[in-house]
Amino acid sequence: MDLDMYAEELLSSYETQKNKHKLDKPDAEMHEENVSCGDRITVFLKIENGRVKEASYEGDGCVISMGSANIFVEKLIGKSIDEIERMDKKAVIDAISLDPGPVRLHCATLSLKAVKEALFKYDNKPVDRLTKEL
């Protein structure tokens, strides 16, 4: 696939946002904002046996932040908490199949930061350095 096709998939994800809704009684949730551009997201996770059973989000922002969130939360289903807590920027880039570049990377990783913070809180762990830097 060429870069334009990946960009089209991200735009399509943004337009549909099928994972944009609040889960009833989530086990973990976290709100995060990108103060430099105004993107906002709240993620909701249901956890069963140490794995993400359901994931969704609410928020508003640019095509990259919301399109990435829509794709990324879906990729979390079935993953272990430990696996997600170790994820880095590359996990989002791989999920969306597009490198947004250094200027827009923070937009793309906003959902990752919120998810990881939610899981660290759920596990009663301090947020690690890599997550703080997202």
C-alpha atoms as a PDB file:
ATOM      1  CA  MET A   1       0.000   0.000   0.000  1.00  0.00           C
ATOM      2  CA  ASP A   2       1.112   3.531  -0.557  1.00  0.00           C
ATOM      3  CA  LEU A   3       1.098   6.333   1.999  1.00  0.00           C
ATOM      4  CA  ASP A   4      -2.079   7.879   0.566  1.00  0.00           C
ATOM      5  CA  MET A   5      -4.002   4.647   1.193  1.00  0.00           C
ATOM      6  CA  TYR A   6      -2.888   4.633   4.847  1.00  0.00           C
ATOM      7  CA  ALA A   7      -3.943   8.264   5.175  1.00  0.00           C
ATOM      8  CA  GLU A   8      -7.329   7.347   3.676  1.00  0.00           C
ATOM      9  CA  GLU A   9      -7.746   4.543   6.245  1.00  0.00           C
ATOM     10  CA  LEU A  10      -7.001   6.982   9.060  1.00  0.00           C
ATOM     11  CA  LEU A  11      -9.503   9.483   7.637  1.00  0.00           C
ATOM     12  CA  SER A  12     -12.113   6.733   7.288  1.00  0.00           C
ATOM     13  CA  SER A  13     -11.516   5.696  10.892  1.00  0.00           C
ATOM     14  CA  TYR A  14     -11.973   9.316  11.967  1.00  0.00           C
ATOM     15  CA  GLU A  15     -15.221   9.625  10.011  1.00  0.00           C
ATOM     16  CA  THR A  16     -16.774   6.430  11.418  1.00  0.00           C
ATOM     17  CA  GLN A  17     -15.324   6.399  14.971  1.00  0.00           C
ATOM     18  CA  LYS A  18     -17.179   3.168  15.757  1.00  0.00           C
ATOM     19  CA  ASN A  19     -15.324   2.802  19.070  1.00  0.00           C
ATOM     20  CA  LYS A  20     -16.317   6.280  20.256  1.00  0.00           C
ATOM     21  CA  HIS A  21     -18.685   5.703  23.171  1.00  0.00           C
ATOM     22  CA  LYS A  22     -18.542   5.322  26.917  1.00  0.00           C
ATOM     23  CA  LEU A  23     -18.473   1.787  28.286  1.00  0.00           C
ATOM     24  CA  ASP A  24     -20.891   1.026  31.113  1.00  0.00           C
ATOM     25  CA  LYS A  25     -19.032   0.481  34.375  1.00  0.00           C
ATOM     26  CA  PRO A  26     -15.459   0.488  33.049  1.00  0.00           C
ATOM     27  CA  ASP A  27     -12.770  -1.035  35.250  1.00  0.00           C
ATOM     28  CA  ALA A  28     -10.298   1.650  34.221  1.00  0.00           C
ATOM     29  CA  GLU A  29     -10.603   5.064  32.623  1.00  0.00           C
ATOM     30  CA  MET A  30      -8.433   8.112  32.127  1.00  0.00           C
ATOM     31  CA  HIS A  31      -8.761  11.565  30.604  1.00  0.00           C
ATOM     32  CA  GLU A  32      -5.857  13.173  28.763  1.00  0.00           C
ATOM     33  CA  GLU A  33      -5.472  16.428  26.844  1.00  0.00           C
ATOM     34  CA  ASN A  34      -2.992  17.812  24.356  1.00  0.00           C
ATOM     35  CA  VAL A  35      -2.793  21.381  25.627  1.00  0.00           C
ATOM     36  CA  SER A  36      -0.832  22.563  22.603  1.00  0.00           C
ATOM     37  CA  CYS A  37      -3.624  21.806  20.136  1.00  0.00           C
ATOM     38  CA  GLY A  38      -6.751  21.132  22.205  1.00  0.00           C
ATOM     39  CA  ASP A  39      -7.221  17.405  21.489  1.00  0.00           C
ATOM     40  CA  ARG A  40      -9.048  15.671  24.366  1.00  0.00           C
ATOM     41  CA  ILE A  41      -9.715  12.020  25.044  1.00  0.00           C
ATOM     42  CA  THR A  42     -11.131   9.813  27.769  1.00  0.00           C
ATOM     43  CA  VAL A  43     -10.509   6.080  27.426  1.00  0.00           C
ATOM     44  CA  PHE A  44     -12.626   3.346  28.986  1.00  0.00           C
ATOM     45  CA  LEU A  45     -11.420  -0.207  29.583  1.00  0.00           C
ATOM     46  CA  LYS A  46     -13.068  -3.383  30.815  1.00  0.00           C
ATOM     47  CA  ILE A  47     -10.559  -5.869  32.131  1.00  0.00           C
ATOM     48  CA  GLU A  48     -10.993  -9.583  32.706  1.00  0.00           C
ATOM     49  CA  ASN A  49      -8.303 -12.023  33.847  1.00  0.00           C
ATOM     50  CA  GLY A  50      -5.559  -9.434  33.348  1.00  0.00           C
ATOM     51  CA  ARG A  51      -6.564  -8.697  29.744  1.00  0.00           C
ATOM     52  CA  VAL A  52      -8.520  -5.951  28.039  1.00  0.00           C
ATOM     53  CA  LYS A  53     -11.943  -7.315  27.227  1.00  0.00           C
ATOM     54  CA  GLU A  54     -13.483  -4.088  25.884  1.00  0.00           C
ATOM     55  CA  ALA A  55     -12.086  -0.659  25.059  1.00  0.00           C
ATOM     56  CA  SER A  56     -13.599   2.592  23.882  1.00  0.00           C
ATOM     57  CA  TYR A  57     -13.060   6.342  24.051  1.00  0.00           C
ATOM     58  CA  GLU A  58     -14.807   9.696  23.958  1.00  0.00           C
ATOM     59  CA  GLY A  59     -13.272  12.977  22.968  1.00  0.00           C
ATOM     60  CA  ASP A  60     -12.670  15.434  20.228  1.00  0.00           C
ATOM     61  CA  GLY A  61      -9.708  16.556  18.243  1.00  0.00           C
ATOM     62  CA  CYS A  62      -7.951  16.350  14.934  1.00  0.00           C
ATOM     63  CA  VAL A  63      -8.151  13.547  12.391  1.00  0.00           C
ATOM     64  CA  ILE A  64      -4.871  12.068  13.606  1.00  0.00           C
ATOM     65  CA  SER A  65      -5.761  11.957  17.313  1.00  0.00           C
ATOM     66  CA  MET A  66      -9.324  10.683  16.939  1.00  0.00           C
ATOM     67  CA  GLY A  67      -8.647   8.400  13.958  1.00  0.00           C
ATOM     68  CA  SER A  68      -5.674   6.889  15.800  1.00  0.00           C
ATOM     69  CA  ALA A  69      -7.713   6.452  18.986  1.00  0.00           C
ATOM     70  CA  ASN A  70     -10.453   4.652  17.084  1.00  0.00           C
ATOM     71  CA  ILE A  71      -7.982   2.205  15.536  1.00  0.00           C
ATOM     72  CA  PHE A  72      -5.753   1.834  18.607  1.00  0.00           C
ATOM     73  CA  VAL A  73      -8.434   0.993  21.195  1.00  0.00           C
ATOM     74  CA  GLU A  74      -9.702  -1.795  18.954  1.00  0.00           C
ATOM     75  CA  LYS A  75      -6.190  -3.285  18.781  1.00  0.00           C
ATOM     76  CA  LEU A  76      -6.115  -3.495  22.597  1.00  0.00           C
ATOM     77  CA  ILE A  77      -8.794  -6.174  22.834  1.00  0.00           C
ATOM     78  CA  GLY A  78      -7.271  -9.383  24.186  1.00  0.00           C
ATOM     79  CA  LYS A  79      -3.924  -7.823  25.107  1.00  0.00           C
ATOM     80  CA  SER A  80      -2.580  -8.224  28.639  1.00  0.00           C
ATOM     81  CA  ILE A  81      -2.192  -5.289  30.975  1.00  0.00           C
ATOM     82  CA  ASP A  82       1.561  -5.928  31.191  1.00  0.00           C
ATOM     83  CA  GLU A  83       1.876  -5.970  27.400  1.00  0.00           C
ATOM     84  CA  ILE A  84       0.055  -2.644  27.082  1.00  0.00           C
ATOM     85  CA  GLU A  85       2.022  -1.034  29.905  1.00  0.00           C
ATOM     86  CA  ARG A  86       5.208  -1.769  27.933  1.00  0.00           C
ATOM     87  CA  MET A  87       3.915  -0.243  24.679  1.00  0.00           C
ATOM     88  CA  ASP A  88       5.625   2.774  23.189  1.00  0.00           C
ATOM     89  CA  LYS A  89       5.060   5.177  20.294  1.00  0.00           C
ATOM     90  CA  LYS A  90       5.879   2.437  17.796  1.00  0.00           C
ATOM     91  CA  ALA A  91       2.773   0.507  18.916  1.00  0.00           C
ATOM     92  CA  VAL A  92       0.527   3.327  17.706  1.00  0.00           C
ATOM     93  CA  ILE A  93       2.480   3.878  14.493  1.00  0.00           C
ATOM     94  CA  ASP A  94       2.194   0.144  13.763  1.00  0.00           C
ATOM     95  CA  ALA A  95      -1.527   0.129  14.612  1.00  0.00           C
ATOM     96  CA  ILE A  96      -2.341   3.019  12.276  1.00  0.00           C
ATOM     97  CA  SER A  97       0.239   1.990   9.650  1.00  0.00           C
ATOM     98  CA  LEU A  98       1.339   5.601   9.312  1.00  0.00           C
ATOM     99  CA  ASP A  99       4.113   7.696  10.817  1.00  0.00           C
ATOM    100  CA  PRO A 100       2.552  11.111  11.464  1.00  0.00           C
ATOM    101  CA  GLY A 101       5.964  12.762  11.806  1.00  0.00           C
ATOM    102  CA  PRO A 102       7.464  14.512  14.803  1.00  0.00           C
ATOM    103  CA  VAL A 103       5.034  17.446  14.851  1.00  0.00           C
ATOM    104  CA  ARG A 104       1.874  15.304  14.915  1.00  0.00           C
ATOM    105  CA  LEU A 105       3.206  12.308  16.862  1.00  0.00           C
ATOM    106  CA  HIS A 106       1.760  13.665  20.109  1.00  0.00           C
ATOM    107  CA  CYS A 107      -1.684  13.721  18.469  1.00  0.00           C
ATOM    108  CA  ALA A 108      -1.353  10.092  17.420  1.00  0.00           C
ATOM    109  CA  THR A 109      -0.099   8.893  20.814  1.00  0.00           C
ATOM    110  CA  LEU A 110      -2.641  10.711  22.985  1.00  0.00           C
ATOM    111  CA  SER A 111      -4.804   7.578  23.207  1.00  0.00           C
ATOM    112  CA  LEU A 112      -1.782   5.433  24.125  1.00  0.00           C
ATOM    113  CA  LYS A 113      -0.863   7.804  26.940  1.00  0.00           C
ATOM    114  CA  ALA A 114      -4.420   7.763  28.322  1.00  0.00           C
ATOM    115  CA  VAL A 115      -4.679   3.956  28.086  1.00  0.00           C
ATOM    116  CA  LYS A 116      -1.350   3.371  29.805  1.00  0.00           C
ATOM    117  CA  GLU A 117      -2.137   5.875  32.562  1.00  0.00           C
ATOM    118  CA  ALA A 118      -5.517   4.182  33.107  1.00  0.00           C
ATOM    119  CA  LEU A 119      -3.847   0.788  33.451  1.00  0.00           C
ATOM    120  CA  PHE A 120      -1.086   2.029  35.751  1.00  0.00           C
ATOM    121  CA  LYS A 121      -3.789   3.536  37.951  1.00  0.00           C
ATOM    122  CA  TYR A 122      -5.811   0.302  37.794  1.00  0.00           C
ATOM    123  CA  ASP A 123      -2.707  -1.653  38.862  1.00  0.00           C
ATOM    124  CA  ASN A 124      -1.817   0.914  41.560  1.00  0.00           C
ATOM    125  CA  LYS A 125       1.546   1.512  39.885  1.00  0.00           C
ATOM    126  CA  PRO A 126       3.319   4.816  39.267  1.00  0.00           C
ATOM    127  CA  VAL A 127       3.291   6.049  35.688  1.00  0.00           C
ATOM    128  CA  ASP A 128       6.598   5.194  34.037  1.00  0.00           C
ATOM    129  CA  ARG A 129       8.947   7.683  32.389  1.00  0.00           C
ATOM    130  CA  LEU A 130       8.126   6.590  28.822  1.00  0.00           C
ATOM    131  CA  THR A 131       4.427   7.206  29.376  1.00  0.00           C
ATOM    132  CA  LYS A 132       5.031  10.625  30.902  1.00  0.00           C
ATOM    133  CA  GLU A 133       7.044  11.568  27.797  1.00  0.00           C
ATOM    134  CA  LEU A 134       4.287  10.655  25.339  1.00  0.00           C
END
